[in-house]
Amino acid sequence: QVQLVESGGGLVQAGGSLRLSCVARGNIFRLNNMGWYRQAPGKERELVARITSGGTITYVDSVKGRFTISRDNAKKMVYLQMNSLKPEDTAVYYCAADISNSPRSYWGQGTQVTVSS
């Protein structure tokens, strides 16, 4: 069984920073793509940032220059450093990962990020 557990969400004022963390636990041979998604009320879930096993990074345009994704393969963790937060960044943030010994993707339970104006 594979589990992704996020932490680090919370309430912050506009312009502030938060760092999200996600640890992968369970029967994992190798982590492949890892990423962060978010879903705001009334909106579809969207990709925020993705990092491949080789280190290639993709960001949604709205967070470029403000958010930084990174990973620690030894610890089986992925991080999202969020700076210059805006009210429109308010959403539930989900960690996702693909692993080499399973054809499916795995998701965390989500962590709430609320940015007040």
Protein backbone atom coordinates (compact mmCIF):
# COMPACT_ATOMS: atom_id res chain seq x y z
CA GLN A 1 0.00 0.00 0.00
CA VAL A 2 1.23 3.48 -0.90
CA GLN A 3 0.33 6.63 1.00
CA LEU A 4 1.09 10.28 0.32
CA VAL A 5 0.86 12.59 3.32
CA GLU A 6 0.91 16.37 2.90
CA SER A 7 1.67 18.99 5.52
CA GLY A 8 2.35 22.69 5.72
CA GLY A 9 -0.91 24.30 4.70
CA GLY A 10 -2.55 27.09 6.64
CA LEU A 11 -3.75 30.67 6.69
CA VAL A 12 -1.44 33.43 5.51
CA GLN A 13 -1.79 37.06 4.48
CA ALA A 14 -1.28 38.12 0.90
CA GLY A 15 2.42 38.48 0.16
CA GLY A 16 3.34 35.82 2.67
CA SER A 17 4.94 32.42 2.22
CA LEU A 18 4.18 28.81 2.97
CA ARG A 19 6.07 25.59 2.37
CA LEU A 20 4.17 22.41 1.61
CA SER A 21 5.72 19.01 2.17
CA CYS A 22 4.65 15.58 1.03
CA VAL A 23 6.11 12.25 2.06
CA ALA A 24 5.50 8.99 0.22
CA ARG A 25 5.20 5.87 2.35
CA GLY A 26 4.76 2.21 1.58
CA ASN A 27 5.86 -0.25 -1.05
CA ILE A 28 7.72 2.09 -3.40
CA PHE A 29 10.50 0.83 -5.63
CA ARG A 30 11.17 4.20 -7.27
CA LEU A 31 9.29 7.49 -7.41
CA ASN A 32 8.81 8.84 -10.91
CA ASN A 33 6.89 12.06 -11.58
CA MET A 34 5.83 13.98 -8.50
CA GLY A 35 3.64 17.03 -8.44
CA TRP A 36 1.35 19.44 -6.71
CA TYR A 37 -2.22 20.13 -7.81
CA ARG A 38 -4.82 22.46 -6.36
CA GLN A 39 -8.57 22.81 -6.40
CA ALA A 40 -10.36 26.00 -5.48
CA PRO A 41 -14.08 26.03 -4.61
CA GLY A 42 -16.17 25.72 -7.75
CA LYS A 43 -13.16 25.11 -9.96
CA GLU A 44 -11.52 22.07 -11.49
CA ARG A 45 -8.35 20.60 -10.08
CA GLU A 46 -5.30 22.03 -11.83
CA LEU A 47 -1.64 21.17 -12.01
CA VAL A 48 0.47 23.68 -10.10
CA ALA A 49 3.95 22.18 -10.51
CA ARG A 50 5.51 18.89 -11.55
CA ILE A 51 9.02 17.50 -11.23
CA THR A 52 10.19 14.38 -13.02
CA SER A 53 12.63 11.82 -11.68
CA GLY A 54 15.27 13.49 -13.85
CA GLY A 55 14.56 16.91 -12.40
CA THR A 56 12.60 18.47 -15.25
CA ILE A 57 10.17 21.01 -13.79
CA THR A 58 6.90 22.41 -15.09
CA TYR A 59 4.83 25.22 -13.55
CA VAL A 60 1.42 26.61 -14.35
CA ASP A 61 1.86 30.15 -15.65
CA SER A 62 0.09 31.76 -12.69
CA VAL A 63 2.76 30.61 -10.19
CA LYS A 64 5.92 31.03 -12.24
CA GLY A 65 8.48 33.12 -10.36
CA ARG A 66 6.63 32.68 -7.06
CA PHE A 67 6.51 28.92 -6.39
CA THR A 68 9.38 26.43 -6.36
CA ILE A 69 9.01 22.66 -6.45
CA SER A 70 11.79 20.37 -5.26
CA ARG A 71 12.23 16.77 -4.25
CA ASP A 72 14.40 14.62 -2.02
CA ASN A 73 14.49 11.12 -3.45
CA ALA A 74 16.27 9.62 -0.45
CA LYS A 75 13.52 10.83 1.86
CA LYS A 76 10.78 10.16 -0.71
CA MET A 77 9.56 13.72 -0.33
CA VAL A 78 8.43 16.56 -2.56
CA TYR A 79 8.13 20.17 -1.51
CA LEU A 80 6.39 23.29 -2.75
CA GLN A 81 7.81 26.62 -1.59
CA MET A 82 5.15 29.27 -2.16
CA ASN A 83 6.18 32.93 -1.97
CA SER A 84 4.32 36.16 -2.70
CA LEU A 85 1.03 34.39 -2.12
CA LYS A 86 -2.14 35.90 -3.53
CA PRO A 87 -5.78 35.41 -2.52
CA GLU A 88 -6.32 33.56 -5.80
CA ASP A 89 -3.87 30.90 -4.59
CA THR A 90 -6.45 29.83 -2.01
CA ALA A 91 -7.28 26.18 -2.61
CA VAL A 92 -6.83 22.66 -1.35
CA TYR A 93 -3.39 21.52 -2.47
CA TYR A 94 -2.81 17.87 -3.33
CA CYS A 95 0.40 15.95 -3.71
CA ALA A 96 0.55 13.34 -6.47
CA ALA A 97 3.12 10.76 -7.46
CA ASP A 98 3.75 8.01 -9.97
CA ILE A 99 5.82 5.03 -8.87
CA SER A 100 7.72 2.51 -10.95
CA ASN A 101 6.02 -0.59 -9.49
CA SER A 102 2.44 0.49 -10.11
CA PRO A 103 0.53 1.68 -13.19
CA ARG A 104 -1.65 4.10 -11.23
CA SER A 105 -1.04 7.53 -9.77
CA TYR A 106 -1.29 8.15 -6.05
CA TRP A 107 -2.78 11.18 -4.31
CA GLY A 108 -2.57 12.70 -0.87
CA GLN A 109 -5.57 13.75 1.17
CA GLY A 110 -5.01 17.45 0.50
CA THR A 111 -4.00 20.41 2.63
CA GLN A 112 -5.87 23.71 2.77
CA VAL A 113 -4.06 26.90 1.84
CA THR A 114 -5.94 30.13 2.53
CA VAL A 115 -4.54 33.52 1.56
CA SER A 116 -6.29 36.53 3.04
CA SER A 117 -6.27 39.93 1.37
